[in-house]
Amino acid sequence: MKHSYIKIILTLCSLPFAFTTQAQIVSSDETEVIITDNQGNEEEIDFPEAMNEDVDSLLSLYHSQAYLSIDENCQMRDINPVFSKEVYIERLKSLPTVMEMPYNEIVQTFIDRYTGRLRRSVSFMLGASNFFIPIFEEALEAYQLPLELKYLPIIESALKPNAVSRAGAAGLWQFMITTGKDYGLEISSLVDERRDPLKSSYAAAHYLSDLYKIFNDWNLVIAAYNCGPMTINKAIHRANGEKDYWKIYPYLPRETRGYVPAFIAANYVMTYYCEHNICPMQCQLPVKSDTVMVNRDIHLSQISEVLDIDLEMLRSLNPSYRRDIVPGNTTSSPIRMLPNDITRFIDQQNAIYEHRADELLTKRSSVAVTMDYSYSKKTKGRRSRTYNRRSKSAASKSVTVRKGDTLGAIAKRNGTTVANLRRLNGIRGNNIRTGKKIRVK
């Protein structure tokens, strides 16, 4: 899906396909990488937005997530080892995937970012993946898609269900509103199913399946997932019909040039994290959960307080409810909880619905109108006088006396009488002056 990005500058060998020539990283920092080769050619690509998290904000996020905690038993040193290019090539080659995972200097750059600056983010994602990956695999398997696509949300959202990009894409799979609705996701002020892990995963699998029917190439599919199928078709046209991602590469948007390398790097780091001394965080989200359907509006705080369930846990299990309100009055709506908690909910649902309802569910279904009748009468009188003045103004009509006009001729033209003209204009006799205005109504 569409994202905002921070630029990195890569100096590569000649495109359209030039990743076999030896390249060298000559400088690197958090936002810029410069790679040069013997030809000194330059090319610009972008990091996906999810790969540009500020480390301090990530640490704050970890502490705020009730379901993730640091594994105190992990004894690996926080040092990123250095390996030869041949090691990375062999590891990528050994991944059990249908999709190709080739090595080049761009892929290496993304691997370095994940195993270096984003080590803590990877730790977070490894912990969260214990809950999310089985959901992704279930949806992908339903559409008979390669299971390695389960790592697409790594580069889309860093596995944060409530992630929102600067472009407005939301959820684990970063659906835009239009695409989300096209694939059956409900999006309203209270509900955003782009944030629902299960429903958004099935929508994403459906979308990926449709893209494969168009391109019949998985690299092009995930590139199209980023920038849209029309953009990929334009790049193919500019590349004289070539349908190899690495050959249409120079004709792609900068962010899409980094998208496939980022996907390869995500598959690498989620498989070989131990070799880079990255400790997964511990996930307390239950693997087994179930849903109960409600047909009345209810606030997650009502459930949390009556059943003594951690509110953050409830929010984590139900991320699609944007304001903690489950709109059961609109349609029968699901709430995900532990199986034992569902039993307790059913037994105590009346008490839950009544608990702090006036305080938490403040949207009124009907209201009484209070009137100040003395004020109303005064207002009515003023309006009546204004209306009468306007009515009189609208009813009056004047005409200009033409040369040769008589009162009789004017009266005939305007459907009135001479007597009425004399009364309206205070005329005595029959004398009228050319050019003068006289009232006819």
Protein backbone atom coordinates (compact mmCIF):
# COMPACT_ATOMS: atom_id res chain seq x y z
CA MET A 1 0.00 0.00 0.00
CA LYS A 2 1.02 3.62 -0.43
CA HIS A 3 3.42 5.03 2.18
CA SER A 4 5.57 8.02 2.90
CA TYR A 5 9.31 7.42 2.86
CA ILE A 6 12.73 8.78 3.83
CA LYS A 7 15.27 8.85 1.02
CA ILE A 8 18.50 6.88 0.91
CA ILE A 9 20.98 7.39 -1.90
CA LEU A 10 22.60 4.36 -3.51
CA THR A 11 25.31 4.51 -6.11
CA LEU A 12 24.93 1.37 -8.23
CA CYS A 13 26.20 -0.07 -11.42
CA SER A 14 24.32 0.59 -14.64
CA LEU A 15 20.60 -0.21 -14.73
CA PRO A 16 18.22 -1.78 -15.81
CA PHE A 17 19.85 -4.86 -14.27
CA ALA A 18 23.13 -4.18 -12.60
CA PHE A 19 23.25 -5.95 -9.28
CA THR A 20 25.97 -8.45 -10.23
CA THR A 21 28.81 -5.91 -10.22
CA GLN A 22 30.77 -5.44 -6.98
CA ALA A 23 29.52 -2.42 -5.02
CA GLN A 24 30.88 -0.76 -1.91
CA ILE A 25 29.21 1.17 0.91
CA VAL A 26 31.32 4.24 1.50
CA SER A 27 29.14 6.04 4.09
CA SER A 28 26.02 5.36 6.10
CA ASP A 29 23.85 7.01 8.73
CA GLU A 30 20.23 6.77 9.88
CA THR A 31 18.74 8.29 6.75
CA GLU A 32 21.36 8.00 4.01
CA VAL A 33 23.43 5.20 2.52
CA ILE A 34 25.88 5.77 -0.33
CA ILE A 35 27.06 2.80 -2.36
CA THR A 36 29.58 3.21 -5.17
CA ASP A 37 31.05 1.01 -7.85
CA ASN A 38 33.76 1.44 -10.48
CA GLN A 39 31.36 3.29 -12.81
CA GLY A 40 30.18 5.69 -10.10
CA ASN A 41 26.52 5.55 -11.22
CA GLU A 42 23.85 6.80 -8.80
CA GLU A 43 20.30 5.69 -8.09
CA GLU A 44 17.77 6.82 -5.46
CA ILE A 45 15.42 4.52 -3.56
CA ASP A 46 13.39 4.94 -0.37
CA PHE A 47 12.95 3.11 2.91
CA PRO A 48 9.34 2.08 3.69
CA GLU A 49 7.78 4.25 6.39
CA ALA A 50 7.65 1.36 8.87
CA MET A 51 11.47 1.13 8.64
CA ASN A 52 11.92 4.72 9.80
CA GLU A 53 10.67 4.42 13.37
CA ASP A 54 12.41 6.58 15.93
CA VAL A 55 14.14 4.32 18.47
CA ASP A 56 12.84 6.29 21.48
CA SER A 57 9.26 6.12 20.22
CA LEU A 58 9.67 2.37 19.69
CA LEU A 59 10.85 1.92 23.27
CA SER A 60 7.84 3.92 24.46
CA LEU A 61 5.60 1.68 22.36
CA TYR A 62 7.07 -1.47 23.87
CA HIS A 63 6.39 -0.26 27.40
CA SER A 64 2.81 0.74 26.48
CA GLN A 65 1.97 -2.68 25.04
CA ALA A 66 0.53 -4.78 27.83
CA TYR A 67 1.01 -7.99 25.86
CA LEU A 68 4.76 -7.61 25.13
CA SER A 69 7.67 -7.71 27.54
CA ILE A 70 11.44 -8.13 27.35
CA ASP A 71 12.66 -11.72 27.71
CA GLU A 72 14.95 -11.55 30.72
CA ASN A 73 16.20 -15.07 30.02
CA CYS A 74 17.73 -14.15 26.67
CA GLN A 75 21.49 -14.03 27.23
CA MET A 76 22.65 -13.05 23.74
CA ARG A 77 24.94 -10.03 23.56
CA ASP A 78 23.47 -6.99 21.83
CA ILE A 79 26.08 -7.08 19.07
CA ASN A 80 25.37 -7.45 15.38
CA PRO A 81 27.95 -9.84 13.87
CA VAL A 82 29.52 -9.19 10.48
CA PHE A 83 29.20 -11.87 7.81
CA SER A 84 30.54 -12.21 4.28
CA LYS A 85 28.37 -11.69 1.24
CA GLU A 86 28.55 -15.43 0.53
CA VAL A 87 26.91 -16.17 3.90
CA TYR A 88 23.93 -13.93 3.10
CA ILE A 89 23.61 -15.46 -0.38
CA GLU A 90 23.57 -18.97 1.06
CA ARG A 91 21.08 -18.11 3.80
CA LEU A 92 18.67 -16.47 1.36
CA LYS A 93 19.05 -19.42 -0.97
CA SER A 94 18.17 -21.79 1.90
CA LEU A 95 14.87 -20.09 2.76
CA PRO A 96 11.99 -22.57 2.09
CA THR A 97 10.06 -20.24 -0.21
CA VAL A 98 8.26 -20.34 -3.54
CA MET A 99 9.14 -16.71 -4.18
CA GLU A 100 12.72 -16.00 -5.17
CA MET A 101 14.94 -14.30 -2.58
CA PRO A 102 17.98 -13.07 -4.54
CA TYR A 103 20.89 -11.19 -3.03
CA ASN A 104 22.24 -7.81 -4.14
CA GLU A 105 23.65 -4.72 -2.48
CA ILE A 106 20.22 -3.15 -2.07
CA VAL A 107 18.94 -6.24 -0.23
CA GLN A 108 22.08 -6.12 1.91
CA THR A 109 21.35 -2.50 2.82
CA PHE A 110 17.87 -3.43 4.06
CA ILE A 111 19.18 -6.44 5.98
CA ASP A 112 21.74 -4.18 7.65
CA ARG A 113 19.01 -1.75 8.66
CA TYR A 114 16.85 -4.48 10.23
CA THR A 115 19.74 -6.13 12.07
CA GLY A 116 21.31 -2.81 13.09
CA ARG A 117 19.26 0.31 13.72
CA LEU A 118 15.94 -1.59 13.85
CA ARG A 119 17.07 -4.41 16.15
CA ARG A 120 14.57 -3.41 18.84
CA SER A 121 11.81 -3.16 16.27
CA VAL A 122 12.64 -6.68 15.08
CA SER A 123 12.53 -7.86 18.70
CA PHE A 124 9.05 -6.34 19.00
CA MET A 125 7.88 -7.91 15.74
CA LEU A 126 9.22 -11.34 16.68
CA GLY A 127 7.20 -11.23 19.90
CA ALA A 128 4.04 -9.98 18.18
CA SER A 129 4.44 -12.52 15.37
CA ASN A 130 3.61 -15.35 17.78
CA PHE A 131 0.04 -14.03 17.77
CA PHE A 132 -0.28 -12.60 14.25
CA ILE A 133 1.63 -15.00 12.00
CA PRO A 134 -0.82 -17.94 12.48
CA ILE A 135 -3.64 -15.59 11.43
CA PHE A 136 -1.72 -14.49 8.34
CA GLU A 137 -0.88 -18.07 7.40
CA GLU A 138 -4.51 -19.15 7.76
CA ALA A 139 -5.69 -16.41 5.36
CA LEU A 140 -2.89 -17.01 2.84
CA GLU A 141 -3.52 -20.76 2.90
CA ALA A 142 -7.24 -20.16 2.24
CA TYR A 143 -6.29 -18.48 -1.05
CA GLN A 144 -3.43 -20.97 -1.73
CA LEU A 145 -0.80 -18.22 -1.68
CA PRO A 146 2.90 -18.55 -0.74
CA LEU A 147 3.18 -18.47 3.04
CA GLU A 148 6.27 -16.22 2.90
CA LEU A 149 3.81 -13.40 2.17
CA LYS A 150 3.08 -13.51 5.91
CA TYR A 151 6.06 -11.15 6.29
CA LEU A 152 4.52 -8.45 4.09
CA PRO A 153 3.03 -6.70 7.17
CA ILE A 154 6.58 -6.45 8.57
CA ILE A 155 7.40 -3.78 5.99
CA GLU A 156 3.85 -2.43 5.84
CA SER A 157 3.14 -1.77 9.53
CA ALA A 158 5.93 -3.28 11.68
CA LEU A 159 3.12 -5.57 12.98
CA LYS A 160 1.18 -2.75 14.68
CA PRO A 161 -2.59 -3.20 14.12
CA ASN A 162 -3.28 0.50 14.75
CA ALA A 163 -0.54 1.77 12.43
CA VAL A 164 -1.61 4.67 10.19
CA SER A 165 0.65 5.96 7.42
CA ARG A 166 0.94 9.60 6.43
CA ALA A 167 -1.03 8.75 3.31
CA GLY A 168 -3.93 7.39 5.39
CA ALA A 169 -3.33 3.65 4.97
CA ALA A 170 -4.20 1.76 8.16
CA GLY A 171 -3.84 -1.56 9.90
CA LEU A 172 -1.41 -4.45 9.70
CA TRP A 173 -1.74 -4.67 5.91
CA GLN A 174 -1.99 -0.88 5.39
CA PHE A 175 -5.18 -0.72 3.35
CA MET A 176 -6.32 2.60 1.97
CA ILE A 177 -10.01 3.30 2.64
CA THR A 178 -11.14 2.70 -0.95
CA THR A 179 -9.27 -0.60 -1.37
CA GLY A 180 -10.37 -1.78 2.08
CA LYS A 181 -14.03 -1.18 1.23
CA ASP A 182 -13.56 -2.82 -2.18
CA TYR A 183 -12.49 -5.98 -0.33
CA GLY A 184 -15.35 -5.98 2.16
CA LEU A 185 -13.88 -4.17 5.16
CA GLU A 186 -16.20 -1.95 7.20
CA ILE A 187 -14.78 1.51 7.85
CA SER A 188 -16.71 4.09 9.88
CA SER A 189 -16.17 6.53 12.73
CA LEU A 190 -16.43 3.71 15.30
CA VAL A 191 -15.23 0.65 13.38
CA ASP A 192 -12.17 0.21 11.19
CA GLU A 193 -11.80 -3.39 10.08
CA ARG A 194 -8.50 -2.54 8.40
CA ARG A 195 -7.20 -2.90 11.99
CA ASP A 196 -8.85 -6.27 12.55
CA PRO A 197 -6.08 -8.90 12.15
CA LEU A 198 -8.36 -11.67 10.88
CA LYS A 199 -10.63 -9.71 8.51
CA SER A 200 -7.84 -7.56 7.09
CA SER A 201 -5.67 -10.66 6.50
CA TYR A 202 -8.38 -12.34 4.44
CA ALA A 203 -8.94 -9.09 2.53
CA ALA A 204 -5.19 -8.80 1.85
CA ALA A 205 -4.98 -12.43 0.72
CA HIS A 206 -7.90 -11.84 -1.65
CA TYR A 207 -6.24 -8.71 -3.04
CA LEU A 208 -2.87 -10.47 -3.48
CA SER A 209 -4.62 -13.33 -5.24
CA ASP A 210 -6.26 -10.89 -7.66
CA LEU A 211 -2.91 -9.20 -8.34
CA TYR A 212 -1.29 -12.55 -9.14
CA LYS A 213 -4.03 -13.23 -11.71
CA ILE A 214 -2.93 -10.00 -13.40
CA PHE A 215 0.87 -10.33 -13.29
CA ASN A 216 1.62 -14.04 -12.69
CA ASP A 217 4.86 -12.99 -10.95
CA TRP A 218 5.21 -12.60 -7.19
CA ASN A 219 7.79 -9.82 -7.28
CA LEU A 220 5.46 -7.78 -9.47
CA VAL A 221 2.55 -8.67 -7.19
CA ILE A 222 4.11 -7.26 -4.05
CA ALA A 223 5.42 -4.26 -6.00
CA ALA A 224 1.84 -3.66 -7.21
CA TYR A 225 0.62 -4.04 -3.63
CA ASN A 226 2.81 -1.04 -2.82
CA CYS A 227 2.16 1.29 -5.75
CA GLY A 228 -0.89 -0.14 -7.53
CA PRO A 229 -1.25 -2.30 -10.66
CA MET A 230 -1.57 0.68 -13.02
CA THR A 231 1.88 1.96 -12.00
CA ILE A 232 3.40 -1.49 -12.61
CA ASN A 233 1.77 -1.70 -16.05
CA LYS A 234 3.22 1.71 -16.96
CA ALA A 235 6.70 0.54 -15.87
CA ILE A 236 6.35 -2.63 -17.98
CA HIS A 237 5.35 -0.53 -20.97
CA ARG A 238 8.34 1.80 -20.52
CA ALA A 239 10.63 -1.25 -20.27
CA ASN A 240 9.43 -2.48 -23.68
CA GLY A 241 7.22 -5.20 -22.23
CA GLU A 242 9.74 -6.64 -19.74
CA LYS A 243 7.98 -8.37 -16.82
CA ASP A 244 10.96 -8.92 -14.55
CA TYR A 245 10.88 -6.69 -11.45
CA TRP A 246 14.63 -6.11 -11.58
CA LYS A 247 14.43 -5.08 -15.25
CA ILE A 248 11.55 -2.64 -14.82
CA TYR A 249 13.22 -1.38 -11.63
CA PRO A 250 14.43 2.01 -13.02
CA TYR A 251 10.90 2.83 -14.22
CA LEU A 252 9.30 2.30 -10.81
CA PRO A 253 8.59 4.95 -8.14
CA ARG A 254 11.46 5.35 -5.68
CA GLU A 255 9.53 3.76 -2.81
CA THR A 256 8.65 0.70 -4.89
CA ARG A 257 12.30 0.22 -5.82
CA GLY A 258 12.94 -0.40 -2.14
CA TYR A 259 9.82 -2.49 -1.53
CA VAL A 260 10.89 -5.89 -2.88
CA PRO A 261 14.39 -5.62 -1.30
CA ALA A 262 12.69 -4.74 2.00
CA PHE A 263 10.44 -7.80 1.66
CA ILE A 264 13.44 -10.07 1.05
CA ALA A 265 15.22 -8.53 4.04
CA ALA A 266 12.14 -9.06 6.22
CA ASN A 267 12.06 -12.76 5.32
CA TYR A 268 15.77 -12.95 6.13
CA VAL A 269 15.67 -11.24 9.53
CA MET A 270 12.54 -13.07 10.74
CA THR A 271 14.34 -16.35 9.99
CA TYR A 272 17.97 -15.62 10.94
CA TYR A 273 17.45 -13.24 13.91
CA CYS A 274 19.35 -15.57 16.27
CA GLU A 275 22.45 -15.34 14.07
CA HIS A 276 22.33 -11.57 14.65
CA ASN A 277 21.84 -11.82 18.44
CA ILE A 278 18.28 -10.44 18.39
CA CYS A 279 16.09 -11.60 21.28
CA PRO A 280 12.33 -11.88 20.61
CA MET A 281 10.11 -10.12 23.10
CA GLN A 282 7.68 -12.28 25.04
CA CYS A 283 4.05 -12.13 23.94
CA GLN A 284 1.22 -12.54 26.45
CA LEU A 285 -1.55 -12.38 23.88
CA PRO A 286 -3.41 -15.69 23.94
CA VAL A 287 -3.07 -17.90 20.91
CA LYS A 288 -6.56 -19.25 21.61
CA SER A 289 -9.41 -16.76 21.75
CA ASP A 290 -13.04 -16.68 20.70
CA THR A 291 -15.77 -14.16 19.93
CA VAL A 292 -19.13 -13.30 21.41
CA MET A 293 -21.71 -11.34 19.41
CA VAL A 294 -23.48 -8.34 20.98
CA ASN A 295 -26.61 -6.58 19.71
CA ARG A 296 -26.39 -3.53 21.97
CA ASP A 297 -23.81 -0.75 22.14
CA ILE A 298 -21.16 -1.53 24.73
CA HIS A 299 -17.89 0.07 25.83
CA LEU A 300 -14.78 -2.03 26.35
CA SER A 301 -14.33 -0.35 29.76
CA GLN A 302 -17.66 -1.80 30.88
CA ILE A 303 -16.38 -5.31 30.15
CA SER A 304 -12.97 -4.60 31.61
CA GLU A 305 -14.26 -3.25 34.91
CA VAL A 306 -17.07 -5.74 35.57
CA LEU A 307 -15.09 -8.85 34.55
CA ASP A 308 -11.73 -7.53 35.83
CA ILE A 309 -10.03 -7.96 32.43
CA ASP A 310 -7.05 -5.79 31.54
CA LEU A 311 -8.32 -3.01 29.25
CA GLU A 312 -5.15 -2.96 27.14
CA MET A 313 -5.53 -6.68 26.57
CA LEU A 314 -9.11 -6.16 25.39
CA ARG A 315 -7.98 -3.38 23.07
CA SER A 316 -5.21 -5.58 21.69
CA LEU A 317 -7.70 -8.35 20.94
CA ASN A 318 -10.21 -5.89 19.42
CA PRO A 319 -8.17 -3.22 17.59
CA SER A 320 -10.90 -2.48 15.04
CA TYR A 321 -12.98 -0.53 17.59
CA ARG A 322 -11.48 2.93 17.20
CA ARG A 323 -13.03 4.54 20.30
CA ASP A 324 -13.50 1.45 22.51
CA ILE A 325 -17.21 1.44 21.57
CA VAL A 326 -18.69 -1.71 20.04
CA PRO A 327 -21.70 -0.55 17.96
CA GLY A 328 -24.09 -3.42 18.62
CA ASN A 329 -27.14 -1.24 18.04
CA THR A 330 -26.15 -0.82 14.38
CA THR A 331 -25.51 -4.48 13.64
CA SER A 332 -24.59 -7.58 15.60
CA SER A 333 -20.90 -7.05 16.42
CA PRO A 334 -18.15 -9.42 17.63
CA ILE A 335 -15.96 -8.99 20.71
CA ARG A 336 -12.86 -11.20 20.97
CA MET A 337 -11.95 -12.54 24.42
CA LEU A 338 -10.54 -15.61 26.11
CA PRO A 339 -13.00 -18.54 26.11
CA ASN A 340 -13.41 -18.39 29.92
CA ASP A 341 -14.05 -14.65 29.78
CA ILE A 342 -16.77 -15.18 27.16
CA THR A 343 -18.57 -17.55 29.52
CA ARG A 344 -18.39 -14.95 32.30
CA PHE A 345 -19.58 -12.24 29.90
CA ILE A 346 -22.68 -14.25 28.98
CA ASP A 347 -23.46 -14.88 32.65
CA GLN A 348 -23.08 -11.20 33.65
CA GLN A 349 -24.04 -9.36 30.48
CA ASN A 350 -26.95 -7.42 32.02
CA ALA A 351 -24.70 -6.02 34.73
CA ILE A 352 -22.05 -5.21 32.11
CA TYR A 353 -24.48 -3.34 29.85
CA GLU A 354 -25.74 -1.24 32.80
CA HIS A 355 -22.32 -0.48 34.31
CA ARG A 356 -21.49 3.25 33.80
CA ALA A 357 -23.61 3.24 30.63
CA ASP A 358 -24.73 6.89 31.05
CA GLU A 359 -21.10 7.94 31.48
CA LEU A 360 -19.42 5.86 28.77
CA LEU A 361 -22.15 5.75 26.12
CA THR A 362 -23.12 9.40 25.87
CA LYS A 363 -24.73 9.48 22.42
CA ARG A 364 -28.40 10.23 23.10
CA SER A 365 -31.16 8.39 21.24
CA SER A 366 -33.73 11.17 21.84
CA VAL A 367 -33.75 14.67 23.34
CA ALA A 368 -36.44 17.04 24.68
CA VAL A 369 -36.62 20.55 23.20
CA THR A 370 -36.74 23.35 25.83
CA MET A 371 -38.62 26.51 24.77
CA ASP A 372 -38.69 30.01 26.32
CA TYR A 373 -42.22 30.96 25.30
CA SER A 374 -41.86 34.63 26.23
CA TYR A 375 -38.78 34.86 24.04
CA SER A 376 -40.56 32.88 21.35
CA LYS A 377 -43.51 35.32 21.31
CA LYS A 378 -41.20 38.34 21.06
CA THR A 379 -39.30 36.71 18.22
CA LYS A 380 -42.54 35.81 16.47
CA GLY A 381 -43.74 39.45 16.76
CA ARG A 382 -40.52 40.80 15.30
CA ARG A 383 -40.66 38.29 12.47
CA SER A 384 -44.31 39.23 11.80
CA ARG A 385 -43.50 42.94 11.54
CA THR A 386 -40.55 42.24 9.29
CA TYR A 387 -42.70 40.00 7.13
CA ASN A 388 -45.41 42.66 6.84
CA ARG A 389 -42.84 45.28 5.78
CA ARG A 390 -41.37 42.88 3.24
CA SER A 391 -44.84 41.93 2.00
CA LYS A 392 -45.79 45.55 1.47
CA SER A 393 -42.49 46.20 -0.29
CA ALA A 394 -42.94 43.18 -2.50
CA ALA A 395 -46.56 44.16 -3.31
CA SER A 396 -45.77 47.71 -4.50
CA LYS A 397 -44.92 48.47 -8.12
CA SER A 398 -43.96 51.67 -9.98
CA VAL A 399 -43.71 52.57 -13.68
CA THR A 400 -42.17 55.47 -15.57
CA VAL A 401 -44.54 57.74 -17.49
CA ARG A 402 -43.84 57.56 -21.21
CA LYS A 403 -44.19 60.37 -23.70
CA GLY A 404 -47.87 60.68 -24.67
CA ASP A 405 -49.06 58.52 -21.74
CA THR A 406 -52.39 59.20 -20.05
CA LEU A 407 -53.68 57.88 -16.74
CA GLY A 408 -56.15 55.75 -18.66
CA ALA A 409 -53.43 54.17 -20.82
CA ILE A 410 -51.23 53.43 -17.81
CA ALA A 411 -54.16 51.97 -15.87
CA LYS A 412 -55.05 49.71 -18.79
CA ARG A 413 -51.49 48.44 -19.22
CA ASN A 414 -51.16 47.57 -15.55
CA GLY A 415 -54.59 46.13 -14.85
CA THR A 416 -55.83 48.87 -12.56
CA THR A 417 -58.11 51.95 -12.65
CA VAL A 418 -57.56 55.66 -13.01
CA ALA A 419 -59.14 56.21 -9.60
CA ASN A 420 -56.65 53.79 -8.03
CA LEU A 421 -53.72 55.58 -9.71
CA ARG A 422 -54.92 58.93 -8.40
CA ARG A 423 -55.28 57.44 -4.86
CA LEU A 424 -51.83 55.80 -4.84
CA ASN A 425 -50.03 58.86 -6.19
CA GLY A 426 -52.12 61.75 -4.78
CA ILE A 427 -52.99 63.00 -8.26
CA ARG A 428 -55.81 65.51 -8.84
CA GLY A 429 -57.09 65.84 -12.35
CA ASN A 430 -55.39 64.17 -15.31
CA ASN A 431 -52.03 65.92 -15.55
CA ILE A 432 -48.92 63.64 -15.41
CA ARG A 433 -45.34 64.48 -16.39
CA THR A 434 -43.26 62.41 -18.84
CA GLY A 435 -40.34 60.62 -17.06
CA LYS A 436 -41.95 60.69 -13.65
CA LYS A 437 -42.43 57.42 -11.73
CA ILE A 438 -45.88 56.64 -10.45
CA ARG A 439 -47.14 53.71 -8.40
CA VAL A 440 -49.50 51.30 -10.07
CA LYS A 441 -49.82 48.91 -7.07
